[in-house]
Each structure stands twice: as C-alpha cells, then as structure tokens.
Amino acid sequence: MKQLPVINLSFVEIGGVGEMVYRAVRFPEYVPDYDDEGEIIKPLFTGGHAPLSGTDYSLTGQDLLVSLCNLYVKLNNPDSTESISDAVWDWCRNNIHPYDIDLLCEMLESEKFAHVTFRDIIERDATFSIKRFIKDLCDLGTVFELYYILDNLKYEGNVNNARNLYYEGRLRDSLAFLERYSKYKDDKEYRACVLEDYNDLIFKVIDMFPDFRMRLKLDKKTEKVMFGADVQSVFDICWYTFSRIVADVAPPVDEDLDYFESQGSILSCLACGKYFVRRSSRQLYCDSWDCQAERNRRNRRASYARKKAAEVENKE
C-alpha cells in the first residue's frame, strides 16, 4: 500500500483562523475566602445581581494579554508589598471571569441553570484558587517578558530593557539560563552576545507555549462558523493571542470583527513602562492621564530645544 506523504498545515494554509472571538462571563462581585488548599476567590450571584455571559467584542485578546502581563510585572516586583489576593480580586472585578468560561456560559445561558435557585452550583463551579491564578499568571508573564525584551533588543536595539533579562522576583525569578548574560557589562558586547543566541532563545520561548486544542465554533452574533482555539480560561485567550504575535505567518486581523479598529502592536510606555496596545503608528505612550501629560511635557521640551538650536544656528 502506498504511503501518503505527511503534510503540515499552517494557520494560513488552513484559513479561517483569525483574531480571537471568545465568550466571557462577568460576575457583579467577588469575595476573597479560604478553603483547605488556601486562599480562593468566590464570585457572588444573587437574584438582583446575576452574572452576564456571551460573546465579547469589547475586550480583545490583546487587551487581556496586556492587562495580565502588567499585573505580573507589578506583583513580581521584589519591592512590591501589594496584597496578591486583593490584586487578583480587583483584576477579576474589572475584567472578566478567568476560568471555565465555556462551561459557565453554557450554564448561564441555559434557562434551567440561569434561575437563581441554582446560584450555589454556579458560584461553586466558578470559585478558583489564588495559587492556580498566580501560577498561570507567572507562566504567561515570564514567557511574554522574555519574548518582548528579545524582540525589542533585536529590532529597536534597546539594551536597557534587556539588562533585566535575569532578576529575582517576588513571585518567580526569571529564567535561570538567562543569568549567563549578566556578566557582560558593556552594552555592545551584551547585545551582541544575546543576539548571537537569539534563535536558541526564541526556540526556548516556543517550547514554553502550551498546546492548543482547535475546534469549530459558531459565532451566534455573526452566524459564522469559525475555527479557533478551545478556550477555557483567560490564559488560553492570552496564549492564543500571544502565539499570533510570535508567529511570522499568522493571518491578518479579521476585518469583519466589531473590534477591528482596536487591534495593534503591543509596546512598553515610554513614561511608565507598562505594556499597552498601540492604536496608531505614532503612539509611544499609554492612555493614562499622567503618561499623556508627560508626553506633552517632553514634546514641549523637545520643541523648545529645537527652537533654541535653530536660533544659535541662525546667529552663527
């Protein structure tokens, strides 16, 4: 019997694998608590404050990735004294529920389970441990941090950020194999050494990605069948979004999605250093009021410096 050749199909060759469209659950409130395994976060579901569920077009995968990676950087700072459980609690209240997304959506969208009588079941199934959240956060944040610094070093020549490749964090130290670069004090030598190992480091990044389970899904809003990753948590959404950033052959953003205009590159703000989704090709600062004010101050100083330089040049 003739053996058929093995064919590997990429996302582009398969077609239809576009930007993440996911379902989301939002609970009106959460409460920190404890069980036998430690700290937990428990959602509240009352008759007057039922959770919302459905396909989310307002909060993109990039927004979630940026939000979680900024949370990781903040909590992993060795000088941070912020309560970890309070930070996780606050993130859930301001974003979406992190776990068992599809299961909870099915339960909430079913007439049987949506009734307040079954709120105890929904609250129990939606409860998650802080330890689990922090582990998933560290796994994602560590890899994104490494990839972002490597990419920034290669294409922007930013050595200052790359100097932080190896450090001891509050939650988790950076990857041990990065310590070898700490001995290089000269910036040019440091950059040359890291870039010499760039391909090997990118392979390490790729190896740290989890496997994706792909399946067909029906988007009820657009009535289109989509081929995408099976999503059970916000971390699944972020890993999937992150993979599209890393992949050189990832398909373009789908133009028919409601949030198309909000897609862009992920940068580090020049003022505060936080990650943000860039909405225009000239944006270098995040949208916070303080950072925009700092941008205006720097622009005024630069304009004044150019004006003074022009005056000196004219006198000469």
C-alpha atoms as a PDB file:
ATOM      1  CA  MET A   1       0.000   0.000   0.000  1.00  0.00           C
ATOM      2  CA  LYS A   2       1.371   3.398  -0.998  1.00  0.00           C
ATOM      3  CA  GLN A   3       2.222   5.596   1.961  1.00  0.00           C
ATOM      4  CA  LEU A   4       0.774   9.103   1.808  1.00  0.00           C
ATOM      5  CA  PRO A   5       3.149  11.997   2.444  1.00  0.00           C
ATOM      6  CA  VAL A   6       2.940  13.818   5.761  1.00  0.00           C
ATOM      7  CA  ILE A   7       1.621  17.359   5.304  1.00  0.00           C
ATOM      8  CA  ASN A   8       1.825  20.046   7.963  1.00  0.00           C
ATOM      9  CA  LEU A   9      -0.771  22.778   7.513  1.00  0.00           C
ATOM     10  CA  SER A  10      -0.218  26.204   9.000  1.00  0.00           C
ATOM     11  CA  PHE A  11      -2.979  28.571  10.136  1.00  0.00           C
ATOM     12  CA  VAL A  12      -2.659  30.487   6.877  1.00  0.00           C
ATOM     13  CA  GLU A  13      -2.944  27.364   4.726  1.00  0.00           C
ATOM     14  CA  ILE A  14      -5.971  26.125   6.639  1.00  0.00           C
ATOM     15  CA  GLY A  15      -7.665  29.510   6.553  1.00  0.00           C
ATOM     16  CA  GLY A  16     -10.314  30.883   8.873  1.00  0.00           C
ATOM     17  CA  VAL A  17      -8.156  31.066  11.966  1.00  0.00           C
ATOM     18  CA  GLY A  18      -8.438  34.718  12.816  1.00  0.00           C
ATOM     19  CA  GLU A  19      -8.370  37.026  15.780  1.00  0.00           C
ATOM     20  CA  MET A  20      -9.775  35.572  18.963  1.00  0.00           C
ATOM     21  CA  VAL A  21     -13.544  35.819  19.372  1.00  0.00           C
ATOM     22  CA  TYR A  22     -14.415  34.412  22.762  1.00  0.00           C
ATOM     23  CA  ARG A  23     -17.254  34.121  25.189  1.00  0.00           C
ATOM     24  CA  ALA A  24     -16.959  35.819  28.543  1.00  0.00           C
ATOM     25  CA  VAL A  25     -18.570  35.768  31.965  1.00  0.00           C
ATOM     26  CA  ARG A  26     -18.766  38.799  34.246  1.00  0.00           C
ATOM     27  CA  PHE A  27     -19.835  38.460  37.853  1.00  0.00           C
ATOM     28  CA  PRO A  28     -21.038  41.601  39.669  1.00  0.00           C
ATOM     29  CA  GLU A  29     -18.741  40.985  42.627  1.00  0.00           C
ATOM     30  CA  TYR A  30     -16.213  38.588  44.160  1.00  0.00           C
ATOM     31  CA  VAL A  31     -15.164  37.870  47.723  1.00  0.00           C
ATOM     32  CA  PRO A  32     -11.784  36.528  48.898  1.00  0.00           C
ATOM     33  CA  ASP A  33     -12.099  33.423  51.079  1.00  0.00           C
ATOM     34  CA  TYR A  34     -10.233  30.320  52.229  1.00  0.00           C
ATOM     35  CA  ASP A  35     -10.608  26.581  51.799  1.00  0.00           C
ATOM     36  CA  ASP A  36      -8.430  23.562  52.626  1.00  0.00           C
ATOM     37  CA  GLU A  37      -5.925  24.479  49.872  1.00  0.00           C
ATOM     38  CA  GLY A  38      -5.536  28.148  50.813  1.00  0.00           C
ATOM     39  CA  GLU A  39      -6.873  31.439  49.502  1.00  0.00           C
ATOM     40  CA  ILE A  40      -9.709  31.376  46.990  1.00  0.00           C
ATOM     41  CA  ILE A  41     -11.788  33.879  45.050  1.00  0.00           C
ATOM     42  CA  LYS A  42     -15.524  33.252  45.132  1.00  0.00           C
ATOM     43  CA  PRO A  43     -17.955  35.054  42.781  1.00  0.00           C
ATOM     44  CA  LEU A  44     -21.296  36.336  44.033  1.00  0.00           C
ATOM     45  CA  PHE A  45     -24.558  35.539  42.247  1.00  0.00           C
ATOM     46  CA  THR A  46     -27.767  36.979  43.675  1.00  0.00           C
ATOM     47  CA  GLY A  47     -31.230  37.484  42.292  1.00  0.00           C
ATOM     48  CA  GLY A  48     -30.650  41.202  41.850  1.00  0.00           C
ATOM     49  CA  HIS A  49     -27.083  40.871  40.578  1.00  0.00           C
ATOM     50  CA  ALA A  50     -26.831  37.962  38.158  1.00  0.00           C
ATOM     51  CA  PRO A  51     -23.653  37.412  36.103  1.00  0.00           C
ATOM     52  CA  LEU A  52     -23.554  38.331  32.419  1.00  0.00           C
ATOM     53  CA  SER A  53     -22.361  35.974  29.708  1.00  0.00           C
ATOM     54  CA  GLY A  54     -21.920  35.932  25.946  1.00  0.00           C
ATOM     55  CA  THR A  55     -19.512  36.640  23.101  1.00  0.00           C
ATOM     56  CA  ASP A  56     -17.292  39.600  23.962  1.00  0.00           C
ATOM     57  CA  TYR A  57     -16.418  42.131  21.282  1.00  0.00           C
ATOM     58  CA  SER A  58     -15.297  44.938  23.574  1.00  0.00           C
ATOM     59  CA  LEU A  59     -12.286  43.424  25.355  1.00  0.00           C
ATOM     60  CA  THR A  60      -9.785  41.991  22.893  1.00  0.00           C
ATOM     61  CA  GLY A  61      -7.247  39.240  23.391  1.00  0.00           C
ATOM     62  CA  GLN A  62      -4.527  41.881  23.201  1.00  0.00           C
ATOM     63  CA  ASP A  63      -6.196  43.913  25.944  1.00  0.00           C
ATOM     64  CA  LEU A  64      -6.332  40.845  28.183  1.00  0.00           C
ATOM     65  CA  LEU A  65      -2.715  39.919  27.403  1.00  0.00           C
ATOM     66  CA  VAL A  66      -1.512  43.437  28.226  1.00  0.00           C
ATOM     67  CA  SER A  67      -3.602  43.590  31.402  1.00  0.00           C
ATOM     68  CA  LEU A  68      -2.363  40.256  32.764  1.00  0.00           C
ATOM     69  CA  CYS A  69       1.280  40.893  31.859  1.00  0.00           C
ATOM     70  CA  ASN A  70       1.139  44.287  33.587  1.00  0.00           C
ATOM     71  CA  LEU A  71      -0.354  42.566  36.636  1.00  0.00           C
ATOM     72  CA  TYR A  72       2.510  40.057  36.566  1.00  0.00           C
ATOM     73  CA  VAL A  73       5.151  42.801  36.365  1.00  0.00           C
ATOM     74  CA  LYS A  74       3.534  44.713  39.242  1.00  0.00           C
ATOM     75  CA  LEU A  75       3.178  41.727  41.564  1.00  0.00           C
ATOM     76  CA  ASN A  76       6.531  40.188  40.675  1.00  0.00           C
ATOM     77  CA  ASN A  77       8.431  43.347  41.550  1.00  0.00           C
ATOM     78  CA  PRO A  78      10.628  42.322  44.504  1.00  0.00           C
ATOM     79  CA  ASP A  79       9.801  45.632  46.220  1.00  0.00           C
ATOM     80  CA  SER A  80       6.044  45.153  45.852  1.00  0.00           C
ATOM     81  CA  THR A  81       4.040  44.931  49.073  1.00  0.00           C
ATOM     82  CA  GLU A  82       0.583  44.858  47.484  1.00  0.00           C
ATOM     83  CA  SER A  83      -1.720  42.082  48.616  1.00  0.00           C
ATOM     84  CA  ILE A  84      -1.700  39.351  45.958  1.00  0.00           C
ATOM     85  CA  SER A  85      -5.233  38.196  46.711  1.00  0.00           C
ATOM     86  CA  ASP A  86      -6.523  41.797  46.592  1.00  0.00           C
ATOM     87  CA  ALA A  87      -4.812  42.355  43.233  1.00  0.00           C
ATOM     88  CA  VAL A  88      -6.357  39.193  41.732  1.00  0.00           C
ATOM     89  CA  TRP A  89      -9.746  40.116  43.191  1.00  0.00           C
ATOM     90  CA  ASP A  90      -9.514  43.602  41.694  1.00  0.00           C
ATOM     91  CA  TRP A  91      -8.470  42.244  38.277  1.00  0.00           C
ATOM     92  CA  CYS A  92     -11.487  39.938  38.099  1.00  0.00           C
ATOM     93  CA  ARG A  93     -13.869  42.715  39.074  1.00  0.00           C
ATOM     94  CA  ASN A  94     -12.557  44.990  36.305  1.00  0.00           C
ATOM     95  CA  ASN A  95     -12.131  42.447  33.524  1.00  0.00           C
ATOM     96  CA  ILE A  96     -13.790  39.032  33.049  1.00  0.00           C
ATOM     97  CA  HIS A  97     -14.056  35.804  34.986  1.00  0.00           C
ATOM     98  CA  PRO A  98     -10.784  33.890  34.471  1.00  0.00           C
ATOM     99  CA  TYR A  99     -11.761  30.188  34.427  1.00  0.00           C
ATOM    100  CA  ASP A 100     -14.217  27.636  32.986  1.00  0.00           C
ATOM    101  CA  ILE A 101     -15.531  30.210  30.538  1.00  0.00           C
ATOM    102  CA  ASP A 102     -17.360  27.941  28.091  1.00  0.00           C
ATOM    103  CA  LEU A 103     -18.845  25.777  30.848  1.00  0.00           C
ATOM    104  CA  LEU A 104     -20.153  28.773  32.788  1.00  0.00           C
ATOM    105  CA  CYS A 105     -21.569  30.344  29.624  1.00  0.00           C
ATOM    106  CA  GLU A 106     -23.468  27.162  28.847  1.00  0.00           C
ATOM    107  CA  MET A 107     -24.855  27.044  32.370  1.00  0.00           C
ATOM    108  CA  LEU A 108     -25.827  30.708  32.477  1.00  0.00           C
ATOM    109  CA  GLU A 109     -27.393  30.676  29.019  1.00  0.00           C
ATOM    110  CA  SER A 110     -29.463  27.633  29.868  1.00  0.00           C
ATOM    111  CA  GLU A 111     -32.888  28.522  31.258  1.00  0.00           C
ATOM    112  CA  LYS A 112     -32.578  25.781  33.831  1.00  0.00           C
ATOM    113  CA  PHE A 113     -29.301  26.959  35.354  1.00  0.00           C
ATOM    114  CA  ALA A 114     -29.860  30.685  34.932  1.00  0.00           C
ATOM    115  CA  HIS A 115     -32.545  30.585  37.603  1.00  0.00           C
ATOM    116  CA  VAL A 116     -31.373  31.975  40.898  1.00  0.00           C
ATOM    117  CA  THR A 117     -32.222  28.646  42.544  1.00  0.00           C
ATOM    118  CA  PHE A 118     -29.024  27.208  41.078  1.00  0.00           C
ATOM    119  CA  ARG A 119     -26.742  30.069  42.046  1.00  0.00           C
ATOM    120  CA  ASP A 120     -24.922  27.893  44.595  1.00  0.00           C
ATOM    121  CA  ILE A 121     -23.847  25.488  41.838  1.00  0.00           C
ATOM    122  CA  ILE A 122     -22.618  28.324  39.633  1.00  0.00           C
ATOM    123  CA  GLU A 123     -20.776  30.005  42.494  1.00  0.00           C
ATOM    124  CA  ARG A 124     -19.137  26.716  43.450  1.00  0.00           C
ATOM    125  CA  ASP A 125     -18.036  25.894  39.899  1.00  0.00           C
ATOM    126  CA  ALA A 126     -16.725  29.426  39.325  1.00  0.00           C
ATOM    127  CA  THR A 127     -14.673  29.565  42.528  1.00  0.00           C
ATOM    128  CA  PHE A 128     -10.921  29.312  41.907  1.00  0.00           C
ATOM    129  CA  SER A 129      -7.743  29.325  43.966  1.00  0.00           C
ATOM    130  CA  ILE A 130      -5.307  32.236  44.118  1.00  0.00           C
ATOM    131  CA  LYS A 131      -2.457  29.737  43.827  1.00  0.00           C
ATOM    132  CA  ARG A 132      -3.774  28.483  40.476  1.00  0.00           C
ATOM    133  CA  PHE A 133      -4.236  32.007  39.124  1.00  0.00           C
ATOM    134  CA  ILE A 134      -0.734  33.104  40.168  1.00  0.00           C
ATOM    135  CA  LYS A 135       0.892  30.024  38.627  1.00  0.00           C
ATOM    136  CA  ASP A 136      -0.881  30.644  35.315  1.00  0.00           C
ATOM    137  CA  LEU A 137      -0.025  34.343  35.547  1.00  0.00           C
ATOM    138  CA  CYS A 138       3.667  33.614  36.127  1.00  0.00           C
ATOM    139  CA  ASP A 139       3.828  31.073  33.290  1.00  0.00           C
ATOM    140  CA  LEU A 140       2.399  33.628  30.858  1.00  0.00           C
ATOM    141  CA  GLY A 141       4.219  36.680  32.194  1.00  0.00           C
ATOM    142  CA  THR A 142       7.644  35.033  32.236  1.00  0.00           C
ATOM    143  CA  VAL A 143       7.476  33.980  28.594  1.00  0.00           C
ATOM    144  CA  PHE A 144       5.945  37.233  27.332  1.00  0.00           C
ATOM    145  CA  GLU A 145       8.541  39.272  29.215  1.00  0.00           C
ATOM    146  CA  LEU A 146      11.383  37.276  27.630  1.00  0.00           C
ATOM    147  CA  TYR A 147       9.947  37.473  24.121  1.00  0.00           C
ATOM    148  CA  TYR A 148       9.207  41.204  24.362  1.00  0.00           C
ATOM    149  CA  ILE A 149      12.712  42.038  25.572  1.00  0.00           C
ATOM    150  CA  LEU A 150      14.353  39.878  22.886  1.00  0.00           C
ATOM    151  CA  ASP A 151      12.208  41.371  20.141  1.00  0.00           C
ATOM    152  CA  ASN A 152      12.844  44.892  21.423  1.00  0.00           C
ATOM    153  CA  LEU A 153      16.580  44.266  21.620  1.00  0.00           C
ATOM    154  CA  LYS A 154      16.806  42.849  18.102  1.00  0.00           C
ATOM    155  CA  TYR A 155      14.677  45.383  16.255  1.00  0.00           C
ATOM    156  CA  GLU A 156      14.946  48.512  18.436  1.00  0.00           C
ATOM    157  CA  GLY A 157      18.383  47.971  19.971  1.00  0.00           C
ATOM    158  CA  ASN A 158      17.007  48.612  23.466  1.00  0.00           C
ATOM    159  CA  VAL A 159      19.732  47.348  25.791  1.00  0.00           C
ATOM    160  CA  ASN A 160      18.312  48.936  28.952  1.00  0.00           C
ATOM    161  CA  ASN A 161      15.277  46.632  28.984  1.00  0.00           C
ATOM    162  CA  ALA A 162      17.425  43.656  28.048  1.00  0.00           C
ATOM    163  CA  ARG A 163      19.566  44.235  31.115  1.00  0.00           C
ATOM    164  CA  ASN A 164      16.601  42.927  33.100  1.00  0.00           C
ATOM    165  CA  LEU A 165      16.630  39.531  31.419  1.00  0.00           C
ATOM    166  CA  TYR A 166      17.723  37.926  34.675  1.00  0.00           C
ATOM    167  CA  TYR A 167      16.390  39.018  38.055  1.00  0.00           C
ATOM    168  CA  GLU A 168      14.970  37.678  41.319  1.00  0.00           C
ATOM    169  CA  GLY A 169      11.235  38.341  41.547  1.00  0.00           C
ATOM    170  CA  ARG A 170       8.695  38.365  44.353  1.00  0.00           C
ATOM    171  CA  LEU A 171       6.587  35.602  42.806  1.00  0.00           C
ATOM    172  CA  ARG A 172       9.072  33.931  40.499  1.00  0.00           C
ATOM    173  CA  ASP A 173      12.648  34.505  39.398  1.00  0.00           C
ATOM    174  CA  SER A 174      13.323  34.979  35.732  1.00  0.00           C
ATOM    175  CA  LEU A 175      14.532  32.005  33.714  1.00  0.00           C
ATOM    176  CA  ALA A 176      17.759  30.561  35.127  1.00  0.00           C
ATOM    177  CA  PHE A 177      19.529  30.187  31.774  1.00  0.00           C
ATOM    178  CA  LEU A 178      19.470  33.986  31.366  1.00  0.00           C
ATOM    179  CA  GLU A 179      21.915  34.521  34.239  1.00  0.00           C
ATOM    180  CA  ARG A 180      24.887  33.878  31.936  1.00  0.00           C
ATOM    181  CA  TYR A 181      24.354  37.223  30.216  1.00  0.00           C
ATOM    182  CA  SER A 182      24.683  39.206  33.448  1.00  0.00           C
ATOM    183  CA  LYS A 183      28.494  39.124  33.261  1.00  0.00           C
ATOM    184  CA  TYR A 184      28.604  41.363  30.168  1.00  0.00           C
ATOM    185  CA  LYS A 185      28.858  44.976  31.345  1.00  0.00           C
ATOM    186  CA  ASP A 186      29.468  46.687  28.006  1.00  0.00           C
ATOM    187  CA  ASP A 187      26.205  47.385  26.151  1.00  0.00           C
ATOM    188  CA  LYS A 188      27.534  46.484  22.710  1.00  0.00           C
ATOM    189  CA  GLU A 189      29.056  43.265  23.963  1.00  0.00           C
ATOM    190  CA  TYR A 190      25.874  42.425  25.865  1.00  0.00           C
ATOM    191  CA  ARG A 191      23.651  42.984  22.821  1.00  0.00           C
ATOM    192  CA  ALA A 192      25.989  41.046  20.537  1.00  0.00           C
ATOM    193  CA  CYS A 193      26.094  38.089  22.907  1.00  0.00           C
ATOM    194  CA  VAL A 194      22.311  37.910  23.334  1.00  0.00           C
ATOM    195  CA  LEU A 195      21.662  38.308  19.600  1.00  0.00           C
ATOM    196  CA  GLU A 196      24.172  35.578  18.851  1.00  0.00           C
ATOM    197  CA  ASP A 197      21.934  33.252  20.868  1.00  0.00           C
ATOM    198  CA  TYR A 198      18.699  34.831  19.579  1.00  0.00           C
ATOM    199  CA  ASN A 199      17.440  31.798  17.629  1.00  0.00           C
ATOM    200  CA  ASP A 200      18.155  29.448  20.522  1.00  0.00           C
ATOM    201  CA  LEU A 201      16.311  31.774  22.906  1.00  0.00           C
ATOM    202  CA  ILE A 202      13.315  32.017  20.571  1.00  0.00           C
ATOM    203  CA  PHE A 203      13.213  28.213  20.408  1.00  0.00           C
ATOM    204  CA  LYS A 204      13.077  28.193  24.204  1.00  0.00           C
ATOM    205  CA  VAL A 205      10.181  30.665  24.069  1.00  0.00           C
ATOM    206  CA  ILE A 206       8.315  28.435  21.622  1.00  0.00           C
ATOM    207  CA  ASP A 207       8.892  25.347  23.774  1.00  0.00           C
ATOM    208  CA  MET A 208       7.264  27.097  26.725  1.00  0.00           C
ATOM    209  CA  PHE A 209       3.993  27.642  24.852  1.00  0.00           C
ATOM    210  CA  PRO A 210       1.173  25.263  25.799  1.00  0.00           C
ATOM    211  CA  ASP A 211      -0.507  23.099  23.194  1.00  0.00           C
ATOM    212  CA  PHE A 212      -3.738  24.386  21.668  1.00  0.00           C
ATOM    213  CA  ARG A 213      -6.848  22.344  21.100  1.00  0.00           C
ATOM    214  CA  MET A 214      -8.538  23.638  17.962  1.00  0.00           C
ATOM    215  CA  ARG A 215     -12.182  23.138  17.085  1.00  0.00           C
ATOM    216  CA  LEU A 216     -15.051  24.610  15.063  1.00  0.00           C
ATOM    217  CA  LYS A 217     -17.260  27.169  16.791  1.00  0.00           C
ATOM    218  CA  LEU A 218     -20.424  29.013  15.821  1.00  0.00           C
ATOM    219  CA  ASP A 219     -20.375  32.741  16.466  1.00  0.00           C
ATOM    220  CA  LYS A 220     -24.017  33.434  17.257  1.00  0.00           C
ATOM    221  CA  LYS A 221     -23.718  37.157  16.570  1.00  0.00           C
ATOM    222  CA  THR A 222     -22.220  36.912  13.073  1.00  0.00           C
ATOM    223  CA  GLU A 223     -23.724  33.451  12.395  1.00  0.00           C
ATOM    224  CA  LYS A 224     -20.336  32.370  11.057  1.00  0.00           C
ATOM    225  CA  VAL A 225     -18.541  29.109  11.745  1.00  0.00           C
ATOM    226  CA  MET A 226     -15.043  29.822  12.992  1.00  0.00           C
ATOM    227  CA  PHE A 227     -12.028  27.577  13.504  1.00  0.00           C
ATOM    228  CA  GLY A 228     -10.250  28.547  16.685  1.00  0.00           C
ATOM    229  CA  ALA A 229      -8.684  27.516  19.935  1.00  0.00           C
ATOM    230  CA  ASP A 230     -10.776  25.822  22.587  1.00  0.00           C
ATOM    231  CA  VAL A 231     -10.950  28.422  25.331  1.00  0.00           C
ATOM    232  CA  GLN A 232     -11.499  27.553  28.974  1.00  0.00           C
ATOM    233  CA  SER A 233      -9.678  30.434  30.657  1.00  0.00           C
ATOM    234  CA  VAL A 234      -8.424  33.959  30.075  1.00  0.00           C
ATOM    235  CA  PHE A 235      -4.953  32.462  29.964  1.00  0.00           C
ATOM    236  CA  ASP A 236      -5.973  30.317  26.984  1.00  0.00           C
ATOM    237  CA  ILE A 237      -7.108  33.523  25.265  1.00  0.00           C
ATOM    238  CA  CYS A 238      -3.811  35.240  26.066  1.00  0.00           C
ATOM    239  CA  TRP A 239      -1.619  32.336  24.938  1.00  0.00           C
ATOM    240  CA  TYR A 240      -3.552  32.161  21.686  1.00  0.00           C
ATOM    241  CA  THR A 241      -3.201  35.935  21.172  1.00  0.00           C
ATOM    242  CA  PHE A 242       0.481  35.768  22.104  1.00  0.00           C
ATOM    243  CA  SER A 243       1.064  32.967  19.579  1.00  0.00           C
ATOM    244  CA  ARG A 244      -0.267  35.197  16.790  1.00  0.00           C
ATOM    245  CA  ILE A 245       2.283  37.852  17.777  1.00  0.00           C
ATOM    246  CA  VAL A 246       5.180  35.400  17.750  1.00  0.00           C
ATOM    247  CA  ALA A 247       4.208  33.561  14.550  1.00  0.00           C
ATOM    248  CA  ASP A 248       5.709  35.111  11.413  1.00  0.00           C
ATOM    249  CA  VAL A 249       2.941  33.598   9.266  1.00  0.00           C
ATOM    250  CA  ALA A 250      -0.055  34.398  11.469  1.00  0.00           C
ATOM    251  CA  PRO A 251      -3.070  35.564   9.450  1.00  0.00           C
ATOM    252  CA  PRO A 252      -4.099  39.221   9.464  1.00  0.00           C
ATOM    253  CA  VAL A 253      -6.703  40.563  11.816  1.00  0.00           C
ATOM    254  CA  ASP A 254     -10.222  39.779  10.604  1.00  0.00           C
ATOM    255  CA  GLU A 255     -11.700  42.949   9.130  1.00  0.00           C
ATOM    256  CA  ASP A 256     -15.284  41.982   9.850  1.00  0.00           C
ATOM    257  CA  LEU A 257     -14.954  41.968  13.639  1.00  0.00           C
ATOM    258  CA  ASP A 258     -16.509  44.802  15.600  1.00  0.00           C
ATOM    259  CA  TYR A 259     -13.279  45.496  17.457  1.00  0.00           C
ATOM    260  CA  PHE A 260     -11.084  45.595  14.344  1.00  0.00           C
ATOM    261  CA  GLU A 261     -10.093  49.212  14.845  1.00  0.00           C
ATOM    262  CA  SER A 262      -8.707  48.497  18.314  1.00  0.00           C
ATOM    263  CA  GLN A 263      -6.105  45.975  17.197  1.00  0.00           C
ATOM    264  CA  GLY A 264      -2.444  46.987  17.084  1.00  0.00           C
ATOM    265  CA  SER A 265       1.072  46.362  18.325  1.00  0.00           C
ATOM    266  CA  ILE A 266       1.936  45.889  21.987  1.00  0.00           C
ATOM    267  CA  LEU A 267       4.512  48.391  23.249  1.00  0.00           C
ATOM    268  CA  SER A 268       6.014  49.464  26.544  1.00  0.00           C
ATOM    269  CA  CYS A 269       5.021  53.018  27.515  1.00  0.00           C
ATOM    270  CA  LEU A 270       7.977  55.440  27.416  1.00  0.00           C
ATOM    271  CA  ALA A 271       6.742  57.129  30.601  1.00  0.00           C
ATOM    272  CA  CYS A 272       5.513  54.422  32.998  1.00  0.00           C
ATOM    273  CA  GLY A 273       6.953  51.306  31.325  1.00  0.00           C
ATOM    274  CA  LYS A 274       3.636  49.426  31.315  1.00  0.00           C
ATOM    275  CA  TYR A 275       2.562  47.411  28.296  1.00  0.00           C
ATOM    276  CA  PHE A 276      -0.224  48.899  26.179  1.00  0.00           C
ATOM    277  CA  VAL A 277      -1.950  48.220  22.854  1.00  0.00           C
ATOM    278  CA  ARG A 278      -0.884  50.861  20.356  1.00  0.00           C
ATOM    279  CA  ARG A 279      -3.838  52.306  18.404  1.00  0.00           C
ATOM    280  CA  SER A 280      -1.812  54.337  15.897  1.00  0.00           C
ATOM    281  CA  SER A 281       1.619  54.047  14.303  1.00  0.00           C
ATOM    282  CA  ARG A 282       2.890  57.136  16.172  1.00  0.00           C
ATOM    283  CA  GLN A 283       1.690  56.247  19.671  1.00  0.00           C
ATOM    284  CA  LEU A 284       4.544  55.697  22.142  1.00  0.00           C
ATOM    285  CA  TYR A 285       2.730  56.354  25.428  1.00  0.00           C
ATOM    286  CA  CYS A 286      -0.199  54.579  27.087  1.00  0.00           C
ATOM    287  CA  ASP A 287      -3.562  56.307  27.559  1.00  0.00           C
ATOM    288  CA  SER A 288      -3.202  57.162  31.252  1.00  0.00           C
ATOM    289  CA  TRP A 289      -3.568  60.859  32.086  1.00  0.00           C
ATOM    290  CA  ASP A 290      -0.160  61.051  33.786  1.00  0.00           C
ATOM    291  CA  CYS A 291       1.640  59.483  30.816  1.00  0.00           C
ATOM    292  CA  GLN A 292      -0.123  61.713  28.311  1.00  0.00           C
ATOM    293  CA  ALA A 293       0.827  64.725  30.427  1.00  0.00           C
ATOM    294  CA  GLU A 294       4.448  63.515  30.473  1.00  0.00           C
ATOM    295  CA  ARG A 295       4.308  63.102  26.671  1.00  0.00           C
ATOM    296  CA  ASN A 296       3.174  66.715  26.306  1.00  0.00           C
ATOM    297  CA  ARG A 297       5.925  67.917  28.646  1.00  0.00           C
ATOM    298  CA  ARG A 298       8.604  66.042  26.710  1.00  0.00           C
ATOM    299  CA  ASN A 299       7.253  67.323  23.403  1.00  0.00           C
ATOM    300  CA  ARG A 300       7.349  70.910  24.694  1.00  0.00           C
ATOM    301  CA  ARG A 301      10.925  70.486  25.945  1.00  0.00           C
ATOM    302  CA  ALA A 302      11.989  68.957  22.629  1.00  0.00           C
ATOM    303  CA  SER A 303      10.291  71.769  20.709  1.00  0.00           C
ATOM    304  CA  TYR A 304      11.994  74.387  22.888  1.00  0.00           C
ATOM    305  CA  ALA A 305      15.379  72.685  22.409  1.00  0.00           C
ATOM    306  CA  ARG A 306      14.914  72.667  18.625  1.00  0.00           C
ATOM    307  CA  LYS A 307      13.913  76.337  18.680  1.00  0.00           C
ATOM    308  CA  LYS A 308      16.992  77.326  20.716  1.00  0.00           C
ATOM    309  CA  ALA A 309      19.262  75.267  18.464  1.00  0.00           C
ATOM    310  CA  ALA A 310      17.782  76.993  15.399  1.00  0.00           C
ATOM    311  CA  GLU A 311      18.378  80.434  16.995  1.00  0.00           C
ATOM    312  CA  VAL A 312      22.013  79.594  17.721  1.00  0.00           C
ATOM    313  CA  GLU A 313      22.478  78.298  14.191  1.00  0.00           C
ATOM    314  CA  ASN A 314      20.997  81.490  12.698  1.00  0.00           C
ATOM    315  CA  LYS A 315      23.306  83.701  14.794  1.00  0.00           C
ATOM    316  CA  GLU A 316      26.325  81.816  13.549  1.00  0.00           C
END
